[in-house]
Amino acid sequence: MENTLIQAEPTKLNFSQNNNKANITITNNGLDLVDLELQIKGDCGSFKIPYLRGEQNICETSKPGSIPLSPQEHQLFYIYYEPTSTPLSSTQAELELKYNDSISRKPISISIPLIIS
């Protein structure tokens, strides 16, 4: 993901029955405000991304959300995984980040694998 307007680290997140929390840092490397849409895809349990301050969630499985990212801003997010009642042996979902390029105005999408083992 080098030379992109939006950068996410790490590039994949691992979850298990014993580790249901991961963090990701999203950075706006551009010079303009970016409205970033977050969406979790996959039906292998329940994921949520809460605001670091407050009770609401930014997004949940099947419920996208959006956040503004100021120029040169870094934001840390925690993603929580709640397994289904029948644990899955190994499966995968993804966190999709969408935004419009500030120059071409074309939609850009970044997928971050959410690996459940």
C-alpha atoms as a PDB file:
ATOM      1  CA  MET A   1       0.000   0.000   0.000  1.00  0.00           C
ATOM      2  CA  GLU A   2       2.870   2.377  -0.634  1.00  0.00           C
ATOM      3  CA  ASN A   3       2.177   5.788  -2.171  1.00  0.00           C
ATOM      4  CA  THR A   4      -1.531   5.645  -1.398  1.00  0.00           C
ATOM      5  CA  LEU A   5      -3.628   8.371   0.113  1.00  0.00           C
ATOM      6  CA  ILE A   6      -4.966   6.096   2.859  1.00  0.00           C
ATOM      7  CA  GLN A   7      -2.683   3.603   4.557  1.00  0.00           C
ATOM      8  CA  ALA A   8      -3.708   0.897   7.050  1.00  0.00           C
ATOM      9  CA  GLU A   9      -1.318  -1.014   9.332  1.00  0.00           C
ATOM     10  CA  PRO A  10      -1.209  -3.926   9.883  1.00  0.00           C
ATOM     11  CA  THR A  11      -2.367  -5.241   6.511  1.00  0.00           C
ATOM     12  CA  LYS A  12      -4.193  -8.238   8.034  1.00  0.00           C
ATOM     13  CA  LEU A  13      -5.740  -8.918  11.441  1.00  0.00           C
ATOM     14  CA  ASN A  14      -5.833 -12.266  13.257  1.00  0.00           C
ATOM     15  CA  PHE A  15      -8.533 -13.371  15.695  1.00  0.00           C
ATOM     16  CA  SER A  16      -9.135 -16.583  17.655  1.00  0.00           C
ATOM     17  CA  GLN A  17     -11.301 -17.840  20.513  1.00  0.00           C
ATOM     18  CA  ASN A  18      -8.634 -16.579  22.946  1.00  0.00           C
ATOM     19  CA  ASN A  19      -7.862 -13.326  21.131  1.00  0.00           C
ATOM     20  CA  ASN A  20     -10.976 -11.393  20.187  1.00  0.00           C
ATOM     21  CA  LYS A  21      -9.428  -7.912  19.881  1.00  0.00           C
ATOM     22  CA  ALA A  22      -7.071  -6.403  17.323  1.00  0.00           C
ATOM     23  CA  ASN A  23      -6.016  -2.862  16.506  1.00  0.00           C
ATOM     24  CA  ILE A  24      -5.404  -1.081  13.253  1.00  0.00           C
ATOM     25  CA  THR A  25      -3.965   2.358  12.521  1.00  0.00           C
ATOM     26  CA  ILE A  26      -5.395   4.217   9.544  1.00  0.00           C
ATOM     27  CA  THR A  27      -3.438   7.181   8.162  1.00  0.00           C
ATOM     28  CA  ASN A  28      -4.458   9.934   5.735  1.00  0.00           C
ATOM     29  CA  ASN A  29      -1.244  10.723   3.829  1.00  0.00           C
ATOM     30  CA  GLY A  30      -2.952  13.381   1.723  1.00  0.00           C
ATOM     31  CA  LEU A  31      -3.419  17.114   2.051  1.00  0.00           C
ATOM     32  CA  ASP A  32      -7.245  17.053   2.046  1.00  0.00           C
ATOM     33  CA  LEU A  33      -9.938  15.836   4.414  1.00  0.00           C
ATOM     34  CA  VAL A  34     -11.086  12.318   3.470  1.00  0.00           C
ATOM     35  CA  ASP A  35     -14.470  10.811   4.273  1.00  0.00           C
ATOM     36  CA  LEU A  36     -13.588   7.181   4.847  1.00  0.00           C
ATOM     37  CA  GLU A  37     -16.271   4.498   4.762  1.00  0.00           C
ATOM     38  CA  LEU A  38     -15.653   1.337   6.771  1.00  0.00           C
ATOM     39  CA  GLN A  39     -17.524  -1.897   6.142  1.00  0.00           C
ATOM     40  CA  ILE A  40     -16.992  -5.368   7.590  1.00  0.00           C
ATOM     41  CA  LYS A  41     -17.847  -8.157   5.167  1.00  0.00           C
ATOM     42  CA  GLY A  42     -18.376 -11.823   6.055  1.00  0.00           C
ATOM     43  CA  ASP A  43     -20.888 -13.792   8.073  1.00  0.00           C
ATOM     44  CA  CYS A  44     -18.599 -15.682  10.403  1.00  0.00           C
ATOM     45  CA  GLY A  45     -19.527 -14.051  13.687  1.00  0.00           C
ATOM     46  CA  SER A  46     -19.947 -10.507  14.836  1.00  0.00           C
ATOM     47  CA  PHE A  47     -17.369  -7.754  14.458  1.00  0.00           C
ATOM     48  CA  LYS A  48     -17.589  -4.207  15.762  1.00  0.00           C
ATOM     49  CA  ILE A  49     -15.405  -1.119  15.758  1.00  0.00           C
ATOM     50  CA  PRO A  50     -16.293   1.163  18.667  1.00  0.00           C
ATOM     51  CA  TYR A  51     -15.357   4.812  19.009  1.00  0.00           C
ATOM     52  CA  LEU A  52     -12.470   5.133  21.443  1.00  0.00           C
ATOM     53  CA  ARG A  53     -14.565   7.677  23.338  1.00  0.00           C
ATOM     54  CA  GLY A  54     -18.225   6.935  23.831  1.00  0.00           C
ATOM     55  CA  GLU A  55     -20.660   4.069  23.664  1.00  0.00           C
ATOM     56  CA  GLN A  56     -21.515   3.935  19.965  1.00  0.00           C
ATOM     57  CA  ASN A  57     -19.885   1.753  17.348  1.00  0.00           C
ATOM     58  CA  ILE A  58     -18.379   3.196  14.173  1.00  0.00           C
ATOM     59  CA  CYS A  59     -19.430   0.096  12.304  1.00  0.00           C
ATOM     60  CA  GLU A  60     -20.531  -3.462  12.883  1.00  0.00           C
ATOM     61  CA  THR A  61     -20.943  -6.538  10.724  1.00  0.00           C
ATOM     62  CA  SER A  62     -23.541  -5.663   8.047  1.00  0.00           C
ATOM     63  CA  LYS A  63     -23.683  -2.022   9.203  1.00  0.00           C
ATOM     64  CA  PRO A  64     -21.136   0.273   7.511  1.00  0.00           C
ATOM     65  CA  GLY A  65     -19.953   3.489   9.056  1.00  0.00           C
ATOM     66  CA  SER A  66     -17.900   6.498   8.069  1.00  0.00           C
ATOM     67  CA  ILE A  67     -15.281   8.709   9.664  1.00  0.00           C
ATOM     68  CA  PRO A  68     -13.565  11.909   8.560  1.00  0.00           C
ATOM     69  CA  LEU A  69      -9.769  11.779   8.437  1.00  0.00           C
ATOM     70  CA  SER A  70      -7.943  15.095   8.472  1.00  0.00           C
ATOM     71  CA  PRO A  71      -4.786  15.604   6.407  1.00  0.00           C
ATOM     72  CA  GLN A  72      -1.770  13.757   7.861  1.00  0.00           C
ATOM     73  CA  GLU A  73      -3.980  12.274  10.600  1.00  0.00           C
ATOM     74  CA  HIS A  74      -3.401   8.862  12.190  1.00  0.00           C
ATOM     75  CA  GLN A  75      -6.306   7.124  13.937  1.00  0.00           C
ATOM     76  CA  LEU A  76      -6.110   3.972  16.021  1.00  0.00           C
ATOM     77  CA  PHE A  77      -9.118   1.653  16.001  1.00  0.00           C
ATOM     78  CA  TYR A  78      -9.882  -1.531  17.917  1.00  0.00           C
ATOM     79  CA  ILE A  79     -11.849  -4.286  16.222  1.00  0.00           C
ATOM     80  CA  TYR A  80     -13.686  -6.779  18.418  1.00  0.00           C
ATOM     81  CA  TYR A  81     -14.756 -10.236  17.305  1.00  0.00           C
ATOM     82  CA  GLU A  82     -17.619 -12.153  18.919  1.00  0.00           C
ATOM     83  CA  PRO A  83     -17.675 -15.749  17.677  1.00  0.00           C
ATOM     84  CA  THR A  84     -20.858 -17.528  16.698  1.00  0.00           C
ATOM     85  CA  SER A  85     -22.298 -20.160  19.019  1.00  0.00           C
ATOM     86  CA  THR A  86     -20.635 -22.902  16.967  1.00  0.00           C
ATOM     87  CA  PRO A  87     -16.928 -22.082  16.699  1.00  0.00           C
ATOM     88  CA  LEU A  88     -15.559 -22.187  13.190  1.00  0.00           C
ATOM     89  CA  SER A  89     -12.317 -24.048  12.522  1.00  0.00           C
ATOM     90  CA  SER A  90     -10.863 -21.399  10.240  1.00  0.00           C
ATOM     91  CA  THR A  91     -12.544 -18.699   8.225  1.00  0.00           C
ATOM     92  CA  GLN A  92     -12.053 -15.176   6.979  1.00  0.00           C
ATOM     93  CA  ALA A  93     -13.878 -11.881   6.735  1.00  0.00           C
ATOM     94  CA  GLU A  94     -12.608  -8.478   5.631  1.00  0.00           C
ATOM     95  CA  LEU A  95     -12.619  -4.849   6.631  1.00  0.00           C
ATOM     96  CA  GLU A  96     -13.156  -2.730   3.547  1.00  0.00           C
ATOM     97  CA  LEU A  97     -12.046   0.914   3.516  1.00  0.00           C
ATOM     98  CA  LYS A  98     -13.547   3.093   0.779  1.00  0.00           C
ATOM     99  CA  TYR A  99     -12.855   6.688  -0.178  1.00  0.00           C
ATOM    100  CA  ASN A 100     -12.720   8.943  -3.232  1.00  0.00           C
ATOM    101  CA  ASP A 101      -9.327   9.926  -4.599  1.00  0.00           C
ATOM    102  CA  SER A 102      -8.832  13.668  -4.045  1.00  0.00           C
ATOM    103  CA  ILE A 103      -7.465  14.293  -7.563  1.00  0.00           C
ATOM    104  CA  SER A 104      -9.358  11.951  -9.877  1.00  0.00           C
ATOM    105  CA  ARG A 105     -12.461  11.628  -7.642  1.00  0.00           C
ATOM    106  CA  LYS A 106     -12.473   7.905  -8.476  1.00  0.00           C
ATOM    107  CA  PRO A 107     -13.560   5.508  -5.726  1.00  0.00           C
ATOM    108  CA  ILE A 108     -10.719   3.588  -4.085  1.00  0.00           C
ATOM    109  CA  SER A 109     -11.164   0.456  -1.984  1.00  0.00           C
ATOM    110  CA  ILE A 110      -8.710  -1.234   0.397  1.00  0.00           C
ATOM    111  CA  SER A 111      -9.440  -4.680   1.864  1.00  0.00           C
ATOM    112  CA  ILE A 112      -7.938  -5.795   5.171  1.00  0.00           C
ATOM    113  CA  PRO A 113      -8.327  -9.555   5.826  1.00  0.00           C
ATOM    114  CA  LEU A 114      -9.850 -10.460   9.218  1.00  0.00           C
ATOM    115  CA  ILE A 115      -8.570 -13.988   9.756  1.00  0.00           C
ATOM    116  CA  ILE A 116     -10.323 -16.185  12.312  1.00  0.00           C
ATOM    117  CA  SER A 117      -8.586 -19.349  13.381  1.00  0.00           C
END
